[in-house]
Amino acid sequence: MPLFASGFALLLAAAPAEAYVADGETLVIGGTAVQIAGIDAPRPGTPAGDAAQAAMRAIVAGRTVMCRSTGERHGARVLAACTAAGEDLGAALVAGGHALDCAARSAGRYRALEPAGVR
């Protein structure tokens, strides 16, 4: 299911929806929690987690966001590949040092983007 967003005024299946950044790897679009597939960000409430959340907010602010479900779930969250104005959110967060590649869900596609020494 495609999910579309423009900044924080989002469209879910072509209908207006509310959205916000829940943490460094999760957007909530129209009440649906959407986790960026293939990344693992630090937990909220920690300095690194708060920085990851701020980075996600900065990346999506004022930009059109599109998410495509992988068809999988992680708990209550839908796993999806998401872009902001065409930029891969997972790649941007990993390259910026705000998340790690989650090989179990990414087949290692973001591993080369991790900053040196991050693991």
C-alpha atoms as a PDB file:
ATOM      1  CA  MET A   1       0.000   0.000   0.000  1.00  0.00           C
ATOM      2  CA  PRO A   2       1.559   3.325  -0.973  1.00  0.00           C
ATOM      3  CA  LEU A   3       1.580   6.087   1.632  1.00  0.00           C
ATOM      4  CA  PHE A   4       2.198   9.665   0.540  1.00  0.00           C
ATOM      5  CA  ALA A   5       3.241  12.686   2.576  1.00  0.00           C
ATOM      6  CA  SER A   6       4.013  16.324   2.074  1.00  0.00           C
ATOM      7  CA  GLY A   7       5.970  17.529   5.065  1.00  0.00           C
ATOM      8  CA  PHE A   8       3.639  16.764   7.907  1.00  0.00           C
ATOM      9  CA  ALA A   9       0.416  17.143   5.919  1.00  0.00           C
ATOM     10  CA  LEU A  10       0.155  13.638   4.510  1.00  0.00           C
ATOM     11  CA  LEU A  11      -1.952  11.586   2.186  1.00  0.00           C
ATOM     12  CA  LEU A  12      -2.664   7.964   3.004  1.00  0.00           C
ATOM     13  CA  ALA A  13      -4.122   6.076   0.041  1.00  0.00           C
ATOM     14  CA  ALA A  14      -5.020   9.432  -1.578  1.00  0.00           C
ATOM     15  CA  ALA A  15      -6.925  10.739   1.476  1.00  0.00           C
ATOM     16  CA  PRO A  16      -5.640  13.515   3.776  1.00  0.00           C
ATOM     17  CA  ALA A  17      -4.068  12.154   6.953  1.00  0.00           C
ATOM     18  CA  GLU A  18      -2.193  13.394   9.997  1.00  0.00           C
ATOM     19  CA  ALA A  19       1.421  12.297  10.380  1.00  0.00           C
ATOM     20  CA  TYR A  20       4.362  12.697  12.684  1.00  0.00           C
ATOM     21  CA  VAL A  21       7.829  11.309  13.333  1.00  0.00           C
ATOM     22  CA  ALA A  22       7.480   8.875  16.232  1.00  0.00           C
ATOM     23  CA  ASP A  23      11.189   8.049  16.547  1.00  0.00           C
ATOM     24  CA  GLY A  24      14.338   7.707  14.473  1.00  0.00           C
ATOM     25  CA  GLU A  25      12.918   4.880  12.363  1.00  0.00           C
ATOM     26  CA  THR A  26       9.138   5.311  12.573  1.00  0.00           C
ATOM     27  CA  LEU A  27       6.592   7.633  10.980  1.00  0.00           C
ATOM     28  CA  VAL A  28       2.922   7.555  11.973  1.00  0.00           C
ATOM     29  CA  ILE A  29       0.741   8.259   8.962  1.00  0.00           C
ATOM     30  CA  GLY A  30      -3.005   8.487   9.415  1.00  0.00           C
ATOM     31  CA  GLY A  31      -2.716   6.490  12.626  1.00  0.00           C
ATOM     32  CA  THR A  32      -0.612   3.745  10.996  1.00  0.00           C
ATOM     33  CA  ALA A  33       2.889   3.230  12.407  1.00  0.00           C
ATOM     34  CA  VAL A  34       5.340   2.834   9.515  1.00  0.00           C
ATOM     35  CA  GLN A  35       8.864   1.612  10.286  1.00  0.00           C
ATOM     36  CA  ILE A  36      11.603   2.298   7.746  1.00  0.00           C
ATOM     37  CA  ALA A  37      12.558  -1.190   6.562  1.00  0.00           C
ATOM     38  CA  GLY A  38      16.184  -2.240   6.820  1.00  0.00           C
ATOM     39  CA  ILE A  39      17.417   0.099   9.534  1.00  0.00           C
ATOM     40  CA  ASP A  40      17.806   0.025  13.292  1.00  0.00           C
ATOM     41  CA  ALA A  41      17.836   3.417  15.036  1.00  0.00           C
ATOM     42  CA  PRO A  42      18.647   4.022  18.708  1.00  0.00           C
ATOM     43  CA  ARG A  43      15.706   3.912  21.098  1.00  0.00           C
ATOM     44  CA  PRO A  44      13.771   7.083  21.941  1.00  0.00           C
ATOM     45  CA  GLY A  45      14.590   8.748  25.239  1.00  0.00           C
ATOM     46  CA  THR A  46      18.334   8.265  24.817  1.00  0.00           C
ATOM     47  CA  PRO A  47      20.623  11.012  23.507  1.00  0.00           C
ATOM     48  CA  ALA A  48      21.319   9.029  20.321  1.00  0.00           C
ATOM     49  CA  GLY A  49      17.627   8.165  19.917  1.00  0.00           C
ATOM     50  CA  ASP A  50      16.594  11.785  20.314  1.00  0.00           C
ATOM     51  CA  ALA A  51      19.219  12.802  17.736  1.00  0.00           C
ATOM     52  CA  ALA A  52      17.917  10.148  15.314  1.00  0.00           C
ATOM     53  CA  GLN A  53      14.362  11.433  15.753  1.00  0.00           C
ATOM     54  CA  ALA A  54      15.510  15.015  15.130  1.00  0.00           C
ATOM     55  CA  ALA A  55      17.396  13.869  12.017  1.00  0.00           C
ATOM     56  CA  MET A  56      14.279  12.113  10.684  1.00  0.00           C
ATOM     57  CA  ARG A  57      12.230  15.266  11.285  1.00  0.00           C
ATOM     58  CA  ALA A  58      14.799  17.379   9.441  1.00  0.00           C
ATOM     59  CA  ILE A  59      14.921  14.979   6.481  1.00  0.00           C
ATOM     60  CA  VAL A  60      11.134  14.901   5.955  1.00  0.00           C
ATOM     61  CA  ALA A  61      10.300  18.523   6.846  1.00  0.00           C
ATOM     62  CA  GLY A  62       8.569  20.223   3.952  1.00  0.00           C
ATOM     63  CA  ARG A  63       9.230  17.335   1.585  1.00  0.00           C
ATOM     64  CA  THR A  64       6.915  14.883  -0.110  1.00  0.00           C
ATOM     65  CA  VAL A  65       7.303  11.462   1.501  1.00  0.00           C
ATOM     66  CA  MET A  66       6.281   8.210  -0.150  1.00  0.00           C
ATOM     67  CA  CYS A  67       6.299   4.824   1.582  1.00  0.00           C
ATOM     68  CA  ARG A  68       5.739   1.428   0.006  1.00  0.00           C
ATOM     69  CA  SER A  69       4.974  -1.457   2.329  1.00  0.00           C
ATOM     70  CA  THR A  70       7.208  -4.513   2.104  1.00  0.00           C
ATOM     71  CA  GLY A  71       4.203  -6.612   3.106  1.00  0.00           C
ATOM     72  CA  GLU A  72       5.840  -7.365   6.452  1.00  0.00           C
ATOM     73  CA  ARG A  73       5.205  -6.116   9.966  1.00  0.00           C
ATOM     74  CA  HIS A  74       7.436  -5.572  12.975  1.00  0.00           C
ATOM     75  CA  GLY A  75       5.060  -5.810  15.886  1.00  0.00           C
ATOM     76  CA  ALA A  76       2.342  -3.226  15.311  1.00  0.00           C
ATOM     77  CA  ARG A  77       4.387  -1.357  12.703  1.00  0.00           C
ATOM     78  CA  VAL A  78       4.151  -1.775   8.936  1.00  0.00           C
ATOM     79  CA  LEU A  79       7.605  -2.147   7.369  1.00  0.00           C
ATOM     80  CA  ALA A  80       8.076   0.095   4.359  1.00  0.00           C
ATOM     81  CA  ALA A  81      10.674   1.582   2.058  1.00  0.00           C
ATOM     82  CA  CYS A  82      10.223   5.346   2.278  1.00  0.00           C
ATOM     83  CA  THR A  83      11.585   8.292   0.348  1.00  0.00           C
ATOM     84  CA  ALA A  84      11.461  12.049   0.953  1.00  0.00           C
ATOM     85  CA  ALA A  85      11.467  13.945  -2.341  1.00  0.00           C
ATOM     86  CA  GLY A  86      13.067  10.846  -3.867  1.00  0.00           C
ATOM     87  CA  GLU A  87      15.766  10.460  -1.179  1.00  0.00           C
ATOM     88  CA  ASP A  88      15.811   7.044   0.536  1.00  0.00           C
ATOM     89  CA  LEU A  89      15.102   7.741   4.233  1.00  0.00           C
ATOM     90  CA  GLY A  90      16.903   4.600   5.397  1.00  0.00           C
ATOM     91  CA  ALA A  91      20.015   5.489   3.405  1.00  0.00           C
ATOM     92  CA  ALA A  92      19.989   9.081   4.682  1.00  0.00           C
ATOM     93  CA  LEU A  93      19.656   8.023   8.325  1.00  0.00           C
ATOM     94  CA  VAL A  94      22.377   5.347   8.066  1.00  0.00           C
ATOM     95  CA  ALA A  95      24.797   7.584   6.132  1.00  0.00           C
ATOM     96  CA  GLY A  96      24.236  10.342   8.693  1.00  0.00           C
ATOM     97  CA  GLY A  97      25.179   7.994  11.539  1.00  0.00           C
ATOM     98  CA  HIS A  98      21.661   8.021  13.039  1.00  0.00           C
ATOM     99  CA  ALA A  99      20.836   4.364  12.332  1.00  0.00           C
ATOM    100  CA  LEU A 100      22.528   1.092  11.471  1.00  0.00           C
ATOM    101  CA  ASP A 101      21.840  -1.343   8.679  1.00  0.00           C
ATOM    102  CA  CYS A 102      19.565  -4.141   9.906  1.00  0.00           C
ATOM    103  CA  ALA A 103      20.815  -7.015   7.765  1.00  0.00           C
ATOM    104  CA  ALA A 104      17.877  -9.236   8.739  1.00  0.00           C
ATOM    105  CA  ARG A 105      15.493  -6.833   6.984  1.00  0.00           C
ATOM    106  CA  SER A 106      17.717  -5.114   4.403  1.00  0.00           C
ATOM    107  CA  ALA A 107      19.883  -7.889   2.963  1.00  0.00           C
ATOM    108  CA  GLY A 108      22.762  -5.564   3.905  1.00  0.00           C
ATOM    109  CA  ARG A 109      21.866  -2.845   1.379  1.00  0.00           C
ATOM    110  CA  TYR A 110      22.690  -0.019   3.829  1.00  0.00           C
ATOM    111  CA  ARG A 111      25.816  -1.542   5.410  1.00  0.00           C
ATOM    112  CA  ALA A 112      28.255   0.232   3.070  1.00  0.00           C
ATOM    113  CA  LEU A 113      26.681   3.572   4.037  1.00  0.00           C
ATOM    114  CA  GLU A 114      27.514   3.224   7.753  1.00  0.00           C
ATOM    115  CA  PRO A 115      30.187   5.686   8.893  1.00  0.00           C
ATOM    116  CA  ALA A 116      33.557   4.085   9.661  1.00  0.00           C
ATOM    117  CA  GLY A 117      33.845   2.654  13.155  1.00  0.00           C
ATOM    118  CA  VAL A 118      30.138   2.919  13.963  1.00  0.00           C
ATOM    119  CA  ARG A 119      29.852  -0.767  14.930  1.00  0.00           C
END
